[in-house]
Amino acid sequence: MPVRCRDGHVFTTVWVPGISFKAIRLGPVRFQWCPVGEHRTFVTLVPWSRLRPEERWMAAHNHDSRMP
């Protein structure tokens, strides 16, 4: 699923509602590593349909780590 961090970076992550192995869940927001900006930050889900073409490319080419 694509997510956006507070700095606006877009990347994909595994997002299973109610379960989190590599992030701290805070309702619809998670605190986790952003591989684009190389920092820990809050991220939120972004539907693919709401991403601009360049953001879709960024999300498709930037993934967080699969599992800790």
N, C-alpha and C. Protein backbone atom coordinates (compact mmCIF):
# COMPACT_ATOMS: atom_id res chain seq x y z
N MET A 1 0.84 -1.18 0.00
CA MET A 1 0.00 0.00 0.00
C MET A 1 0.89 1.25 0.00
N PRO A 2 0.52 2.25 -0.76
CA PRO A 2 1.30 3.48 -0.73
C PRO A 2 0.99 4.29 0.53
N VAL A 3 2.03 4.88 1.08
CA VAL A 3 1.89 5.76 2.24
C VAL A 3 2.68 7.04 1.98
N ARG A 4 2.31 8.08 2.74
CA ARG A 4 3.02 9.36 2.64
C ARG A 4 3.49 9.73 4.04
N CYS A 5 4.75 10.15 4.12
CA CYS A 5 5.27 10.58 5.42
C CYS A 5 5.00 12.07 5.60
N ARG A 6 5.30 12.57 6.78
CA ARG A 6 5.05 13.99 7.08
C ARG A 6 5.82 14.94 6.18
N ASP A 7 6.96 14.47 5.64
CA ASP A 7 7.75 15.32 4.75
C ASP A 7 7.28 15.22 3.30
N GLY A 8 6.24 14.42 3.04
CA GLY A 8 5.70 14.31 1.70
C GLY A 8 6.26 13.18 0.86
N HIS A 9 7.20 12.40 1.42
CA HIS A 9 7.75 11.28 0.67
C HIS A 9 6.70 10.19 0.52
N VAL A 10 6.69 9.54 -0.63
CA VAL A 10 5.73 8.47 -0.90
C VAL A 10 6.50 7.17 -1.13
N PHE A 11 6.05 6.10 -0.48
CA PHE A 11 6.66 4.79 -0.65
C PHE A 11 5.63 3.73 -0.34
N THR A 12 5.95 2.48 -0.61
CA THR A 12 5.02 1.40 -0.32
C THR A 12 5.46 0.66 0.94
N THR A 13 4.49 0.12 1.62
CA THR A 13 4.74 -0.65 2.84
C THR A 13 3.65 -1.70 2.97
N VAL A 14 3.89 -2.67 3.80
CA VAL A 14 2.86 -3.66 4.11
C VAL A 14 1.97 -3.05 5.18
N TRP A 15 0.69 -2.93 4.91
CA TRP A 15 -0.23 -2.30 5.85
C TRP A 15 -1.40 -3.25 6.07
N VAL A 16 -1.41 -3.91 7.20
CA VAL A 16 -2.49 -4.82 7.56
C VAL A 16 -3.25 -4.17 8.71
N PRO A 17 -4.52 -3.86 8.53
CA PRO A 17 -5.29 -3.22 9.60
C PRO A 17 -5.25 -4.03 10.90
N GLY A 18 -4.92 -3.35 11.97
CA GLY A 18 -4.91 -3.99 13.28
C GLY A 18 -3.64 -4.75 13.62
N ILE A 19 -2.71 -4.87 12.67
CA ILE A 19 -1.47 -5.61 12.91
C ILE A 19 -0.29 -4.75 12.48
N SER A 20 0.75 -4.76 13.29
CA SER A 20 1.95 -4.00 12.93
C SER A 20 3.17 -4.69 13.50
N PHE A 21 4.10 -5.08 12.62
CA PHE A 21 5.33 -5.74 13.05
C PHE A 21 6.51 -4.79 13.09
N LYS A 22 6.45 -3.71 12.33
CA LYS A 22 7.61 -2.83 12.21
C LYS A 22 7.28 -1.36 12.38
N ALA A 23 6.12 -1.07 12.97
CA ALA A 23 5.72 0.31 13.17
C ALA A 23 4.87 0.41 14.43
N ILE A 24 4.76 1.61 14.94
CA ILE A 24 3.88 1.87 16.08
C ILE A 24 2.58 2.43 15.53
N ARG A 25 1.48 1.73 15.81
CA ARG A 25 0.18 2.16 15.29
C ARG A 25 -0.44 3.21 16.21
N LEU A 26 -0.97 4.25 15.60
CA LEU A 26 -1.67 5.31 16.33
C LEU A 26 -2.95 5.62 15.56
N GLY A 27 -3.89 4.68 15.58
CA GLY A 27 -5.11 4.84 14.79
C GLY A 27 -4.78 4.70 13.32
N PRO A 28 -5.18 5.67 12.48
CA PRO A 28 -4.91 5.58 11.05
C PRO A 28 -3.49 6.04 10.67
N VAL A 29 -2.69 6.37 11.68
CA VAL A 29 -1.33 6.85 11.46
C VAL A 29 -0.35 5.85 12.07
N ARG A 30 0.80 5.70 11.43
CA ARG A 30 1.85 4.83 11.99
C ARG A 30 3.16 5.58 12.04
N PHE A 31 3.96 5.22 13.03
CA PHE A 31 5.29 5.80 13.17
C PHE A 31 6.27 4.74 12.70
N GLN A 32 6.98 5.01 11.61
CA GLN A 32 7.89 4.01 11.07
C GLN A 32 8.99 4.67 10.25
N TRP A 33 9.89 3.86 9.73
CA TRP A 33 11.03 4.30 8.94
C TRP A 33 10.58 4.72 7.54
N CYS A 34 11.04 5.87 7.07
CA CYS A 34 10.81 6.33 5.70
C CYS A 34 12.08 6.05 4.91
N PRO A 35 12.03 5.13 3.94
CA PRO A 35 13.23 4.81 3.18
C PRO A 35 13.64 5.90 2.19
N VAL A 36 12.73 6.79 1.86
CA VAL A 36 13.04 7.86 0.91
C VAL A 36 13.87 8.94 1.60
N GLY A 37 13.39 9.43 2.73
CA GLY A 37 14.10 10.48 3.46
C GLY A 37 15.06 9.95 4.50
N GLU A 38 15.07 8.63 4.67
CA GLU A 38 15.93 7.96 5.66
C GLU A 38 15.76 8.57 7.05
N HIS A 39 14.52 8.56 7.52
CA HIS A 39 14.21 9.08 8.85
C HIS A 39 12.97 8.36 9.39
N ARG A 40 12.78 8.42 10.68
CA ARG A 40 11.57 7.88 11.30
C ARG A 40 10.53 9.00 11.31
N THR A 41 9.30 8.65 10.98
CA THR A 41 8.27 9.67 10.84
C THR A 41 6.88 9.04 10.92
N PHE A 42 5.88 9.87 10.96
CA PHE A 42 4.49 9.41 10.92
C PHE A 42 4.08 9.25 9.46
N VAL A 43 3.40 8.15 9.15
CA VAL A 43 2.93 7.90 7.79
C VAL A 43 1.43 7.61 7.80
N THR A 44 0.79 7.92 6.69
CA THR A 44 -0.64 7.62 6.51
C THR A 44 -0.83 6.98 5.14
N LEU A 45 -1.86 6.16 5.04
CA LEU A 45 -2.20 5.52 3.77
C LEU A 45 -2.63 6.57 2.75
N VAL A 46 -2.29 6.31 1.49
CA VAL A 46 -2.73 7.16 0.39
C VAL A 46 -3.26 6.24 -0.70
N PRO A 47 -4.52 6.39 -1.11
CA PRO A 47 -5.03 5.56 -2.20
C PRO A 47 -4.26 5.83 -3.50
N TRP A 48 -4.01 4.78 -4.27
CA TRP A 48 -3.30 4.94 -5.55
C TRP A 48 -3.97 6.00 -6.41
N SER A 49 -5.29 6.07 -6.37
CA SER A 49 -6.03 7.00 -7.22
C SER A 49 -5.78 8.47 -6.86
N ARG A 50 -5.27 8.73 -5.66
CA ARG A 50 -5.02 10.12 -5.24
C ARG A 50 -3.58 10.56 -5.49
N LEU A 51 -2.77 9.65 -6.03
CA LEU A 51 -1.37 9.99 -6.31
C LEU A 51 -1.21 10.51 -7.73
N ARG A 52 -0.37 11.53 -7.87
CA ARG A 52 -0.01 12.02 -9.20
C ARG A 52 0.90 10.98 -9.86
N PRO A 53 1.04 11.01 -11.18
CA PRO A 53 1.88 10.02 -11.87
C PRO A 53 3.30 9.91 -11.30
N GLU A 54 3.93 11.03 -10.99
CA GLU A 54 5.30 10.97 -10.45
C GLU A 54 5.32 10.37 -9.04
N GLU A 55 4.24 10.58 -8.28
CA GLU A 55 4.16 9.98 -6.94
C GLU A 55 3.92 8.47 -7.05
N ARG A 56 3.16 8.05 -8.05
CA ARG A 56 2.95 6.61 -8.26
C ARG A 56 4.28 5.94 -8.59
N TRP A 57 5.08 6.61 -9.43
CA TRP A 57 6.39 6.07 -9.77
C TRP A 57 7.25 5.97 -8.52
N MET A 58 7.25 7.04 -7.71
CA MET A 58 8.05 7.05 -6.49
C MET A 58 7.63 5.92 -5.55
N ALA A 59 6.32 5.74 -5.37
CA ALA A 59 5.83 4.69 -4.49
C ALA A 59 6.20 3.31 -5.01
N ALA A 60 6.10 3.12 -6.31
CA ALA A 60 6.40 1.82 -6.91
C ALA A 60 7.88 1.47 -6.83
N HIS A 61 8.74 2.48 -6.74
CA HIS A 61 10.18 2.24 -6.73
C HIS A 61 10.83 2.42 -5.36
N ASN A 62 10.05 2.74 -4.35
CA ASN A 62 10.59 2.89 -2.99
C ASN A 62 9.76 2.07 -2.03
N HIS A 63 10.40 1.08 -1.43
CA HIS A 63 9.72 0.17 -0.50
C HIS A 63 10.44 0.19 0.84
N ASP A 64 9.67 0.06 1.91
CA ASP A 64 10.33 -0.10 3.19
C ASP A 64 10.81 -1.54 3.30
N SER A 65 11.53 -1.86 4.34
CA SER A 65 12.02 -3.23 4.51
C SER A 65 10.84 -4.16 4.73
N ARG A 66 10.97 -5.37 4.28
CA ARG A 66 9.87 -6.33 4.37
C ARG A 66 9.52 -6.69 5.82
N MET A 67 10.48 -7.07 6.59
CA MET A 67 10.25 -7.42 8.00
C MET A 67 11.50 -7.04 8.78
N PRO A 68 11.34 -6.72 10.07
CA PRO A 68 12.51 -6.33 10.87
C PRO A 68 13.46 -7.50 11.08
